[in-house]
Amino acid sequence: MNFKKTALVLAMAGIVSVPMVVQADSGFYGSIRQGLQSTGNDAAGSDDNQAIANRGSRMGFKGETDLGNGMTGFGHYEFGVNTSGTAETVTRRKAYVGIKGDFGSIKMGQDYHTYYNHINGPVDIANWNSGFYSQGRTNQALTYAGGSGAITFGATIYARSDDDPTVAGGGDTGIDSTEIAATYDAGMFTVGLGMISSSNKVGADGEDRTGITISGNAGPVYLALSMQSQDLDSDYTEISASMGQAYLAYGVQDKEGNLDGDAPSQLTLGYTIPVGTDTVVWLEYYKVDSDELVANSGDTDSIEAILKYSWN
């Protein structure tokens, strides 16, 4: 049995060998996020556009069960609900199951996994428009997360079900990609290091990615800086800052080898206004500079006012 198969078997054995005790504690939650948006395009002949837009409305179920011996079983479903436009009404955002305890946690399914948690998460602070590149919620993943002292760490493997071993070039039928990352908490700031290694559909090396993120608080100000590099495509530098209810996110992309649009940038300015226990308003200004040779071609800016109501 090779190493990859052994890792999968051991992980599964750890999940299924735990005794089942105690009733689950579960709950239904959700939020509706609807807003007014005005978008302008600087290209010649373009008009501003006004729209009522969905901004991440969702609903979900989650629960935990005390398994005894210091361990807890947990599961989570979350669905995106489109409240505008003609796209699909309901989409999957999260769907995972796992076990946690003194050893850390093992989780299988769709969620934010290792690379996002250590590299993207600290700079992803805007309510909506935040950053060029984010690994985000990914599926068909098995993740271990743990820690020791000031260091937290994790690893994720992906094994996709659409790989077809009966067809030439039908996929990398082993482990499709891996993520590893660790974060060191130095007190005033934290430093996260992470990488993604992947293979494409014919088994060749894919677009490997590395990143470093530094974040922390300086008095009332939160600051985060992330630098990421992708082997053959682009590098990304992003900075986020917040103080009180106000926040800023700025990112620059270096498209390696491009002449036109080589260094596009994005800027987000936002402010969150709590209206009550379950109701929030947020305001955002979002600007994209495409850096294209034709003056202002592809440049856009938008102003949004979003009303969010949540329940648990």
C-alpha atoms as a PDB file:
ATOM      1  CA  MET A   1       0.000   0.000   0.000  1.00  0.00           C
ATOM      2  CA  ASN A   2       1.559   3.333  -1.035  1.00  0.00           C
ATOM      3  CA  PHE A   3       1.820   6.439   1.158  1.00  0.00           C
ATOM      4  CA  LYS A   4      -1.175   8.239  -0.360  1.00  0.00           C
ATOM      5  CA  LYS A   5      -3.473   5.249   0.139  1.00  0.00           C
ATOM      6  CA  THR A   6      -2.155   4.722   3.668  1.00  0.00           C
ATOM      7  CA  ALA A   7      -2.876   8.362   4.597  1.00  0.00           C
ATOM      8  CA  LEU A   8      -6.448   8.100   3.366  1.00  0.00           C
ATOM      9  CA  VAL A   9      -7.080   4.787   5.136  1.00  0.00           C
ATOM     10  CA  LEU A  10      -5.688   6.049   8.464  1.00  0.00           C
ATOM     11  CA  ALA A  11      -7.741   9.247   8.275  1.00  0.00           C
ATOM     12  CA  MET A  12     -10.938   7.329   7.581  1.00  0.00           C
ATOM     13  CA  ALA A  13     -10.163   4.810  10.333  1.00  0.00           C
ATOM     14  CA  GLY A  14      -9.806   7.639  12.827  1.00  0.00           C
ATOM     15  CA  ILE A  15     -13.231   8.948  11.877  1.00  0.00           C
ATOM     16  CA  VAL A  16     -15.227   5.715  11.943  1.00  0.00           C
ATOM     17  CA  SER A  17     -13.677   4.205  15.098  1.00  0.00           C
ATOM     18  CA  VAL A  18     -15.089   6.776  17.558  1.00  0.00           C
ATOM     19  CA  PRO A  19     -17.985   5.676  19.851  1.00  0.00           C
ATOM     20  CA  MET A  20     -21.344   7.382  19.235  1.00  0.00           C
ATOM     21  CA  VAL A  21     -22.826   9.036  22.343  1.00  0.00           C
ATOM     22  CA  VAL A  22     -24.889  12.055  23.442  1.00  0.00           C
ATOM     23  CA  GLN A  23     -27.559  13.947  21.484  1.00  0.00           C
ATOM     24  CA  ALA A  24     -26.518  16.402  18.764  1.00  0.00           C
ATOM     25  CA  ASP A  25     -26.801  20.158  19.311  1.00  0.00           C
ATOM     26  CA  SER A  26     -27.897  21.626  15.983  1.00  0.00           C
ATOM     27  CA  GLY A  27     -29.373  24.845  14.679  1.00  0.00           C
ATOM     28  CA  PHE A  28     -30.807  26.588  11.622  1.00  0.00           C
ATOM     29  CA  TYR A  29     -29.439  30.002  10.692  1.00  0.00           C
ATOM     30  CA  GLY A  30     -29.370  32.385   7.755  1.00  0.00           C
ATOM     31  CA  SER A  31     -29.099  35.912   6.463  1.00  0.00           C
ATOM     32  CA  ILE A  32     -30.640  37.958   3.659  1.00  0.00           C
ATOM     33  CA  ARG A  33     -28.239  40.483   2.111  1.00  0.00           C
ATOM     34  CA  GLN A  34     -29.847  42.752  -0.441  1.00  0.00           C
ATOM     35  CA  GLY A  35     -28.564  46.079  -1.681  1.00  0.00           C
ATOM     36  CA  LEU A  36     -28.584  49.008  -4.039  1.00  0.00           C
ATOM     37  CA  GLN A  37     -25.655  49.208  -6.461  1.00  0.00           C
ATOM     38  CA  SER A  38     -24.505  51.883  -8.878  1.00  0.00           C
ATOM     39  CA  THR A  39     -21.709  50.855 -11.256  1.00  0.00           C
ATOM     40  CA  GLY A  40     -19.818  53.005 -13.730  1.00  0.00           C
ATOM     41  CA  ASN A  41     -17.540  51.923 -16.593  1.00  0.00           C
ATOM     42  CA  ASP A  42     -14.966  54.440 -17.822  1.00  0.00           C
ATOM     43  CA  ALA A  43     -14.868  53.039 -21.360  1.00  0.00           C
ATOM     44  CA  ALA A  44     -16.081  55.479 -24.016  1.00  0.00           C
ATOM     45  CA  GLY A  45     -19.830  55.260 -24.619  1.00  0.00           C
ATOM     46  CA  SER A  46     -20.575  53.342 -21.436  1.00  0.00           C
ATOM     47  CA  ASP A  47     -23.402  54.351 -19.101  1.00  0.00           C
ATOM     48  CA  ASP A  48     -23.746  53.895 -15.351  1.00  0.00           C
ATOM     49  CA  ASN A  49     -25.866  50.967 -14.254  1.00  0.00           C
ATOM     50  CA  GLN A  50     -28.148  50.820 -11.231  1.00  0.00           C
ATOM     51  CA  ALA A  51     -29.322  47.502  -9.815  1.00  0.00           C
ATOM     52  CA  ILE A  52     -30.774  45.771  -6.778  1.00  0.00           C
ATOM     53  CA  ALA A  53     -28.196  43.086  -6.042  1.00  0.00           C
ATOM     54  CA  ASN A  54     -27.803  39.975  -3.912  1.00  0.00           C
ATOM     55  CA  ARG A  55     -24.686  40.076  -1.755  1.00  0.00           C
ATOM     56  CA  GLY A  56     -24.154  36.607  -0.321  1.00  0.00           C
ATOM     57  CA  SER A  57     -27.569  35.689   1.107  1.00  0.00           C
ATOM     58  CA  ARG A  58     -27.410  32.253   2.714  1.00  0.00           C
ATOM     59  CA  MET A  59     -29.017  29.694   5.006  1.00  0.00           C
ATOM     60  CA  GLY A  60     -27.656  26.637   6.729  1.00  0.00           C
ATOM     61  CA  PHE A  61     -27.729  23.937   9.369  1.00  0.00           C
ATOM     62  CA  LYS A  62     -24.895  23.012  11.713  1.00  0.00           C
ATOM     63  CA  GLY A  63     -24.531  20.774  14.711  1.00  0.00           C
ATOM     64  CA  GLU A  64     -22.151  19.179  17.186  1.00  0.00           C
ATOM     65  CA  THR A  65     -22.286  15.955  19.204  1.00  0.00           C
ATOM     66  CA  ASP A  66     -20.255  15.129  22.301  1.00  0.00           C
ATOM     67  CA  LEU A  67     -18.671  11.754  21.524  1.00  0.00           C
ATOM     68  CA  GLY A  68     -16.994  11.299  24.898  1.00  0.00           C
ATOM     69  CA  ASN A  69     -13.273  10.872  25.516  1.00  0.00           C
ATOM     70  CA  GLY A  70     -12.789  14.597  24.862  1.00  0.00           C
ATOM     71  CA  MET A  71     -13.971  14.333  21.247  1.00  0.00           C
ATOM     72  CA  THR A  72     -16.770  16.084  19.362  1.00  0.00           C
ATOM     73  CA  GLY A  73     -18.438  15.180  16.092  1.00  0.00           C
ATOM     74  CA  PHE A  74     -19.677  18.023  13.897  1.00  0.00           C
ATOM     75  CA  GLY A  75     -21.366  18.692  10.578  1.00  0.00           C
ATOM     76  CA  HIS A  76     -22.408  21.701   8.558  1.00  0.00           C
ATOM     77  CA  TYR A  77     -24.548  22.461   5.514  1.00  0.00           C
ATOM     78  CA  GLU A  78     -24.697  25.994   4.104  1.00  0.00           C
ATOM     79  CA  PHE A  79     -26.456  27.095   0.913  1.00  0.00           C
ATOM     80  CA  GLY A  80     -26.195  30.329  -1.022  1.00  0.00           C
ATOM     81  CA  VAL A  81     -29.595  31.792  -1.909  1.00  0.00           C
ATOM     82  CA  ASN A  82     -29.759  34.039  -4.958  1.00  0.00           C
ATOM     83  CA  THR A  83     -32.249  36.825  -4.317  1.00  0.00           C
ATOM     84  CA  SER A  84     -31.840  38.573  -7.676  1.00  0.00           C
ATOM     85  CA  GLY A  85     -31.145  37.860 -11.337  1.00  0.00           C
ATOM     86  CA  THR A  86     -31.823  34.649 -13.238  1.00  0.00           C
ATOM     87  CA  ALA A  87     -29.025  32.415 -11.940  1.00  0.00           C
ATOM     88  CA  GLU A  88     -29.624  29.267  -9.899  1.00  0.00           C
ATOM     89  CA  THR A  89     -31.672  30.010  -6.795  1.00  0.00           C
ATOM     90  CA  VAL A  90     -29.777  27.758  -4.366  1.00  0.00           C
ATOM     91  CA  THR A  91     -26.095  26.756  -4.501  1.00  0.00           C
ATOM     92  CA  ARG A  92     -23.849  24.830  -2.108  1.00  0.00           C
ATOM     93  CA  ARG A  93     -21.458  26.914  -0.026  1.00  0.00           C
ATOM     94  CA  LYS A  94     -20.450  24.454   2.703  1.00  0.00           C
ATOM     95  CA  ALA A  95     -21.001  20.739   3.261  1.00  0.00           C
ATOM     96  CA  TYR A  96     -18.633  18.956   5.619  1.00  0.00           C
ATOM     97  CA  VAL A  97     -18.412  16.465   8.476  1.00  0.00           C
ATOM     98  CA  GLY A  98     -15.655  15.965  11.007  1.00  0.00           C
ATOM     99  CA  ILE A  99     -14.284  15.127  14.432  1.00  0.00           C
ATOM    100  CA  LYS A 100     -12.290  17.355  16.781  1.00  0.00           C
ATOM    101  CA  GLY A 101     -10.537  16.942  20.088  1.00  0.00           C
ATOM    102  CA  ASP A 102      -7.190  17.429  21.811  1.00  0.00           C
ATOM    103  CA  PHE A 103      -5.499  16.066  18.678  1.00  0.00           C
ATOM    104  CA  GLY A 104      -6.929  18.898  16.533  1.00  0.00           C
ATOM    105  CA  SER A 105      -9.630  18.332  13.939  1.00  0.00           C
ATOM    106  CA  ILE A 106     -10.283  16.197  10.870  1.00  0.00           C
ATOM    107  CA  LYS A 107     -12.806  17.535   8.364  1.00  0.00           C
ATOM    108  CA  MET A 108     -14.121  16.170   5.053  1.00  0.00           C
ATOM    109  CA  GLY A 109     -16.132  18.029   2.431  1.00  0.00           C
ATOM    110  CA  GLN A 110     -16.551  21.597   1.200  1.00  0.00           C
ATOM    111  CA  ASP A 111     -15.394  24.530   3.299  1.00  0.00           C
ATOM    112  CA  TYR A 112     -12.581  27.032   3.721  1.00  0.00           C
ATOM    113  CA  HIS A 113      -9.504  24.835   4.024  1.00  0.00           C
ATOM    114  CA  THR A 114      -5.841  25.144   4.932  1.00  0.00           C
ATOM    115  CA  TYR A 115      -4.492  27.707   2.448  1.00  0.00           C
ATOM    116  CA  TYR A 116      -7.419  30.082   2.871  1.00  0.00           C
ATOM    117  CA  ASN A 117      -7.364  29.887   6.660  1.00  0.00           C
ATOM    118  CA  HIS A 118      -3.662  30.750   6.958  1.00  0.00           C
ATOM    119  CA  ILE A 119      -3.024  32.973   3.907  1.00  0.00           C
ATOM    120  CA  ASN A 120      -6.227  34.465   2.454  1.00  0.00           C
ATOM    121  CA  GLY A 121      -8.371  34.760   5.569  1.00  0.00           C
ATOM    122  CA  PRO A 122      -6.391  37.468   7.397  1.00  0.00           C
ATOM    123  CA  VAL A 123      -6.689  39.909   4.439  1.00  0.00           C
ATOM    124  CA  ASP A 124     -10.269  38.939   3.502  1.00  0.00           C
ATOM    125  CA  ILE A 125     -11.976  41.479   5.768  1.00  0.00           C
ATOM    126  CA  ALA A 126     -14.293  43.373   3.414  1.00  0.00           C
ATOM    127  CA  ASN A 127     -17.988  42.558   3.538  1.00  0.00           C
ATOM    128  CA  TRP A 128     -18.100  41.927  -0.209  1.00  0.00           C
ATOM    129  CA  ASN A 129     -15.371  43.099  -2.615  1.00  0.00           C
ATOM    130  CA  SER A 130     -12.146  41.760  -1.144  1.00  0.00           C
ATOM    131  CA  GLY A 131      -9.013  40.812  -3.026  1.00  0.00           C
ATOM    132  CA  PHE A 132      -7.826  39.412  -6.350  1.00  0.00           C
ATOM    133  CA  TYR A 133      -7.200  35.847  -5.406  1.00  0.00           C
ATOM    134  CA  SER A 134      -8.758  33.691  -2.730  1.00  0.00           C
ATOM    135  CA  GLN A 135      -8.702  29.907  -2.525  1.00  0.00           C
ATOM    136  CA  GLY A 136     -12.170  30.234  -0.991  1.00  0.00           C
ATOM    137  CA  ARG A 137     -14.528  27.321  -0.323  1.00  0.00           C
ATOM    138  CA  THR A 138     -13.309  24.175  -2.062  1.00  0.00           C
ATOM    139  CA  ASN A 139     -14.804  20.680  -2.115  1.00  0.00           C
ATOM    140  CA  GLN A 140     -13.764  17.025  -2.218  1.00  0.00           C
ATOM    141  CA  ALA A 141     -11.184  17.816   0.442  1.00  0.00           C
ATOM    142  CA  LEU A 142      -9.862  16.144   3.583  1.00  0.00           C
ATOM    143  CA  THR A 143      -8.272  18.555   6.075  1.00  0.00           C
ATOM    144  CA  TYR A 144      -6.343  18.148   9.301  1.00  0.00           C
ATOM    145  CA  ALA A 145      -5.843  21.199  11.533  1.00  0.00           C
ATOM    146  CA  GLY A 146      -3.861  21.330  14.756  1.00  0.00           C
ATOM    147  CA  GLY A 147      -1.523  23.407  16.836  1.00  0.00           C
ATOM    148  CA  SER A 148       1.203  23.438  19.448  1.00  0.00           C
ATOM    149  CA  GLY A 149       2.040  26.470  21.546  1.00  0.00           C
ATOM    150  CA  ALA A 150       2.228  29.585  19.364  1.00  0.00           C
ATOM    151  CA  ILE A 151       2.046  27.591  16.107  1.00  0.00           C
ATOM    152  CA  THR A 152      -1.081  26.445  14.303  1.00  0.00           C
ATOM    153  CA  PHE A 153      -0.828  24.286  11.218  1.00  0.00           C
ATOM    154  CA  GLY A 154      -2.844  22.255   8.759  1.00  0.00           C
ATOM    155  CA  ALA A 155      -2.853  20.133   5.642  1.00  0.00           C
ATOM    156  CA  THR A 156      -5.488  19.436   2.990  1.00  0.00           C
ATOM    157  CA  ILE A 157      -5.637  16.821   0.252  1.00  0.00           C
ATOM    158  CA  TYR A 158      -8.058  16.783  -2.694  1.00  0.00           C
ATOM    159  CA  ALA A 159      -9.273  13.648  -4.469  1.00  0.00           C
ATOM    160  CA  ARG A 160     -11.796  14.504  -7.167  1.00  0.00           C
ATOM    161  CA  SER A 161     -14.579  12.121  -8.129  1.00  0.00           C
ATOM    162  CA  ASP A 162     -14.618  13.123 -11.816  1.00  0.00           C
ATOM    163  CA  ASP A 163     -11.222  11.545 -12.527  1.00  0.00           C
ATOM    164  CA  ASP A 164     -11.713   8.593 -14.900  1.00  0.00           C
ATOM    165  CA  PRO A 165      -9.010   5.897 -14.740  1.00  0.00           C
ATOM    166  CA  THR A 166     -10.486   4.075 -17.751  1.00  0.00           C
ATOM    167  CA  VAL A 167      -9.812   6.946 -20.167  1.00  0.00           C
ATOM    168  CA  ALA A 168      -6.374   8.071 -21.349  1.00  0.00           C
ATOM    169  CA  GLY A 169      -5.742  11.521 -19.898  1.00  0.00           C
ATOM    170  CA  GLY A 170      -8.929  11.163 -17.842  1.00  0.00           C
ATOM    171  CA  GLY A 171      -7.452  12.704 -14.765  1.00  0.00           C
ATOM    172  CA  ASP A 172      -4.853  12.359 -12.067  1.00  0.00           C
ATOM    173  CA  THR A 173      -6.482   9.420 -10.302  1.00  0.00           C
ATOM    174  CA  GLY A 174      -4.351   9.801  -7.178  1.00  0.00           C
ATOM    175  CA  ILE A 175      -4.259  12.879  -4.979  1.00  0.00           C
ATOM    176  CA  ASP A 176      -5.162  15.835  -7.204  1.00  0.00           C
ATOM    177  CA  SER A 177      -3.676  18.582  -5.044  1.00  0.00           C
ATOM    178  CA  THR A 178      -2.390  19.328  -1.567  1.00  0.00           C
ATOM    179  CA  GLU A 179      -2.257  22.352   0.707  1.00  0.00           C
ATOM    180  CA  ILE A 180       0.030  22.841   3.696  1.00  0.00           C
ATOM    181  CA  ALA A 181       0.358  25.922   5.875  1.00  0.00           C
ATOM    182  CA  ALA A 182       1.362  27.120   9.328  1.00  0.00           C
ATOM    183  CA  THR A 183       0.948  30.327  11.315  1.00  0.00           C
ATOM    184  CA  TYR A 184       3.185  31.594  14.112  1.00  0.00           C
ATOM    185  CA  ASP A 185       1.658  33.915  16.712  1.00  0.00           C
ATOM    186  CA  ALA A 186       4.347  36.339  17.845  1.00  0.00           C
ATOM    187  CA  GLY A 187       1.991  38.257  20.128  1.00  0.00           C
ATOM    188  CA  MET A 188       1.590  41.622  18.437  1.00  0.00           C
ATOM    189  CA  PHE A 189       1.458  40.025  14.982  1.00  0.00           C
ATOM    190  CA  THR A 190       1.161  36.623  13.284  1.00  0.00           C
ATOM    191  CA  VAL A 191       3.022  35.207  10.292  1.00  0.00           C
ATOM    192  CA  GLY A 192       1.444  32.609   8.025  1.00  0.00           C
ATOM    193  CA  LEU A 193       3.242  30.531   5.383  1.00  0.00           C
ATOM    194  CA  GLY A 194       1.438  28.261   2.941  1.00  0.00           C
ATOM    195  CA  MET A 195       1.608  26.464  -0.373  1.00  0.00           C
ATOM    196  CA  ILE A 196      -0.630  24.636  -2.835  1.00  0.00           C
ATOM    197  CA  SER A 197       0.737  21.877  -5.050  1.00  0.00           C
ATOM    198  CA  SER A 198      -1.551  20.587  -7.789  1.00  0.00           C
ATOM    199  CA  SER A 199      -1.597  18.454 -10.916  1.00  0.00           C
ATOM    200  CA  ASN A 200      -3.756  18.916 -13.979  1.00  0.00           C
ATOM    201  CA  LYS A 201      -5.977  16.529 -15.918  1.00  0.00           C
ATOM    202  CA  VAL A 202      -3.120  14.775 -17.706  1.00  0.00           C
ATOM    203  CA  GLY A 203      -1.040  14.310 -14.591  1.00  0.00           C
ATOM    204  CA  ALA A 204       1.522  17.055 -15.265  1.00  0.00           C
ATOM    205  CA  ASP A 205       2.446  19.638 -12.675  1.00  0.00           C
ATOM    206  CA  GLY A 206      -0.255  22.268 -12.273  1.00  0.00           C
ATOM    207  CA  GLU A 207      -0.040  25.834 -11.071  1.00  0.00           C
ATOM    208  CA  ASP A 208       1.720  25.608  -7.707  1.00  0.00           C
ATOM    209  CA  ARG A 209       1.148  28.558  -5.403  1.00  0.00           C
ATOM    210  CA  THR A 210       2.955  29.918  -2.355  1.00  0.00           C
ATOM    211  CA  GLY A 211       2.017  32.685   0.030  1.00  0.00           C
ATOM    212  CA  ILE A 212       3.037  34.598   3.128  1.00  0.00           C
ATOM    213  CA  THR A 213       0.710  36.725   5.241  1.00  0.00           C
ATOM    214  CA  ILE A 214       1.552  39.016   8.159  1.00  0.00           C
ATOM    215  CA  SER A 215      -1.274  40.405  10.282  1.00  0.00           C
ATOM    216  CA  GLY A 216      -1.850  41.993  13.665  1.00  0.00           C
ATOM    217  CA  ASN A 217      -3.172  44.895  15.674  1.00  0.00           C
ATOM    218  CA  ALA A 218      -1.479  48.229  16.297  1.00  0.00           C
ATOM    219  CA  GLY A 219      -3.690  49.768  18.943  1.00  0.00           C
ATOM    220  CA  PRO A 220      -7.188  50.141  17.452  1.00  0.00           C
ATOM    221  CA  VAL A 221      -5.957  49.420  13.896  1.00  0.00           C
ATOM    222  CA  TYR A 222      -5.886  45.952  12.349  1.00  0.00           C
ATOM    223  CA  LEU A 223      -3.381  45.477   9.495  1.00  0.00           C
ATOM    224  CA  ALA A 224      -2.755  42.524   7.176  1.00  0.00           C
ATOM    225  CA  LEU A 225      -0.343  42.093   4.261  1.00  0.00           C
ATOM    226  CA  SER A 226      -0.399  39.083   1.938  1.00  0.00           C
ATOM    227  CA  MET A 227       2.007  38.241  -0.891  1.00  0.00           C
ATOM    228  CA  GLN A 228       1.283  35.275  -3.146  1.00  0.00           C
ATOM    229  CA  SER A 229       3.061  33.829  -6.152  1.00  0.00           C
ATOM    230  CA  GLN A 230       1.718  31.440  -8.785  1.00  0.00           C
ATOM    231  CA  ASP A 231       4.299  29.515 -10.848  1.00  0.00           C
ATOM    232  CA  LEU A 232       3.434  30.448 -14.412  1.00  0.00           C
ATOM    233  CA  ASP A 233       0.715  33.038 -14.148  1.00  0.00           C
ATOM    234  CA  SER A 234       0.513  35.864 -11.623  1.00  0.00           C
ATOM    235  CA  ASP A 235       1.802  37.326  -8.380  1.00  0.00           C
ATOM    236  CA  TYR A 236      -0.530  39.062  -5.945  1.00  0.00           C
ATOM    237  CA  THR A 237       0.079  41.638  -3.234  1.00  0.00           C
ATOM    238  CA  GLU A 238      -2.815  42.618  -0.994  1.00  0.00           C
ATOM    239  CA  ILE A 239      -3.164  44.802   2.071  1.00  0.00           C
ATOM    240  CA  SER A 240      -6.146  45.205   4.373  1.00  0.00           C
ATOM    241  CA  ALA A 241      -6.766  47.538   7.291  1.00  0.00           C
ATOM    242  CA  SER A 242      -9.665  48.204   9.616  1.00  0.00           C
ATOM    243  CA  MET A 243     -10.413  50.493  12.521  1.00  0.00           C
ATOM    244  CA  GLY A 244     -13.741  50.349  14.277  1.00  0.00           C
ATOM    245  CA  GLN A 245     -16.445  49.913  11.651  1.00  0.00           C
ATOM    246  CA  ALA A 246     -14.305  51.183   8.739  1.00  0.00           C
ATOM    247  CA  TYR A 247     -12.138  48.981   6.517  1.00  0.00           C
ATOM    248  CA  LEU A 248      -9.892  49.136   3.454  1.00  0.00           C
ATOM    249  CA  ALA A 249      -8.648  46.460   1.068  1.00  0.00           C
ATOM    250  CA  TYR A 250      -6.174  47.086  -1.760  1.00  0.00           C
ATOM    251  CA  GLY A 251      -4.610  44.590  -4.148  1.00  0.00           C
ATOM    252  CA  VAL A 252      -2.199  44.645  -7.086  1.00  0.00           C
ATOM    253  CA  GLN A 253      -1.726  41.762  -9.517  1.00  0.00           C
ATOM    254  CA  ASP A 254       1.413  41.168 -11.602  1.00  0.00           C
ATOM    255  CA  LYS A 255       0.425  39.214 -14.718  1.00  0.00           C
ATOM    256  CA  GLU A 256       3.747  37.766 -15.763  1.00  0.00           C
ATOM    257  CA  GLY A 257       4.549  38.272 -19.449  1.00  0.00           C
ATOM    258  CA  ASN A 258       1.543  40.478 -20.210  1.00  0.00           C
ATOM    259  CA  LEU A 259       1.994  43.793 -21.982  1.00  0.00           C
ATOM    260  CA  ASP A 260      -1.605  44.964 -21.795  1.00  0.00           C
ATOM    261  CA  GLY A 261      -3.216  44.999 -18.373  1.00  0.00           C
ATOM    262  CA  ASP A 262       0.003  43.796 -16.751  1.00  0.00           C
ATOM    263  CA  ALA A 263      -0.684  45.258 -13.285  1.00  0.00           C
ATOM    264  CA  PRO A 264      -4.407  45.661 -12.561  1.00  0.00           C
ATOM    265  CA  SER A 265      -5.387  46.887  -9.112  1.00  0.00           C
ATOM    266  CA  GLN A 266      -8.477  46.883  -6.923  1.00  0.00           C
ATOM    267  CA  LEU A 267      -9.493  49.179  -4.070  1.00  0.00           C
ATOM    268  CA  THR A 268     -12.325  48.683  -1.578  1.00  0.00           C
ATOM    269  CA  LEU A 269     -13.407  51.187   1.066  1.00  0.00           C
ATOM    270  CA  GLY A 270     -16.183  50.142   3.414  1.00  0.00           C
ATOM    271  CA  TYR A 271     -18.118  51.031   6.527  1.00  0.00           C
ATOM    272  CA  THR A 272     -20.412  48.814   8.615  1.00  0.00           C
ATOM    273  CA  ILE A 273     -23.349  50.281  10.542  1.00  0.00           C
ATOM    274  CA  PRO A 274     -25.038  48.064  13.158  1.00  0.00           C
ATOM    275  CA  VAL A 275     -28.748  48.955  13.183  1.00  0.00           C
ATOM    276  CA  GLY A 276     -29.916  46.447  15.779  1.00  0.00           C
ATOM    277  CA  THR A 277     -29.272  42.986  17.179  1.00  0.00           C
ATOM    278  CA  ASP A 278     -29.951  41.212  13.881  1.00  0.00           C
ATOM    279  CA  THR A 279     -29.748  44.009  11.299  1.00  0.00           C
ATOM    280  CA  VAL A 280     -26.681  45.610   9.716  1.00  0.00           C
ATOM    281  CA  VAL A 281     -26.093  48.092   6.901  1.00  0.00           C
ATOM    282  CA  TRP A 282     -22.807  48.267   5.075  1.00  0.00           C
ATOM    283  CA  LEU A 283     -21.549  50.780   2.520  1.00  0.00           C
ATOM    284  CA  GLU A 284     -18.780  49.997   0.033  1.00  0.00           C
ATOM    285  CA  TYR A 285     -16.896  51.833  -2.665  1.00  0.00           C
ATOM    286  CA  TYR A 286     -15.095  49.501  -5.086  1.00  0.00           C
ATOM    287  CA  LYS A 287     -12.730  50.545  -7.895  1.00  0.00           C
ATOM    288  CA  VAL A 288     -10.900  48.446 -10.509  1.00  0.00           C
ATOM    289  CA  ASP A 289      -8.001  49.836 -12.561  1.00  0.00           C
ATOM    290  CA  SER A 290      -7.436  47.349 -15.403  1.00  0.00           C
ATOM    291  CA  ASP A 291      -4.089  48.914 -16.430  1.00  0.00           C
ATOM    292  CA  GLU A 292      -4.940  48.372 -20.088  1.00  0.00           C
ATOM    293  CA  LEU A 293      -3.171  50.314 -22.840  1.00  0.00           C
ATOM    294  CA  VAL A 294      -6.394  51.890 -24.101  1.00  0.00           C
ATOM    295  CA  ALA A 295      -7.043  54.721 -21.666  1.00  0.00           C
ATOM    296  CA  ASN A 296      -9.646  53.764 -19.024  1.00  0.00           C
ATOM    297  CA  SER A 297     -10.686  50.620 -20.931  1.00  0.00           C
ATOM    298  CA  GLY A 298     -12.059  48.109 -18.439  1.00  0.00           C
ATOM    299  CA  ASP A 299     -11.861  50.507 -15.489  1.00  0.00           C
ATOM    300  CA  THR A 300     -14.938  50.342 -13.270  1.00  0.00           C
ATOM    301  CA  ASP A 301     -16.129  51.751  -9.984  1.00  0.00           C
ATOM    302  CA  SER A 302     -19.205  51.043  -7.905  1.00  0.00           C
ATOM    303  CA  ILE A 303     -20.999  52.294  -4.816  1.00  0.00           C
ATOM    304  CA  GLU A 304     -23.154  49.884  -2.830  1.00  0.00           C
ATOM    305  CA  ALA A 305     -25.501  50.125   0.153  1.00  0.00           C
ATOM    306  CA  ILE A 306     -26.413  46.690   1.533  1.00  0.00           C
ATOM    307  CA  LEU A 307     -29.060  45.803   4.136  1.00  0.00           C
ATOM    308  CA  LYS A 308     -28.452  42.512   5.978  1.00  0.00           C
ATOM    309  CA  TYR A 309     -30.864  40.709   8.294  1.00  0.00           C
ATOM    310  CA  SER A 310     -29.723  37.574  10.134  1.00  0.00           C
ATOM    311  CA  TRP A 311     -31.254  34.895  12.334  1.00  0.00           C
ATOM    312  CA  ASN A 312     -29.822  32.001  14.341  1.00  0.00           C
END
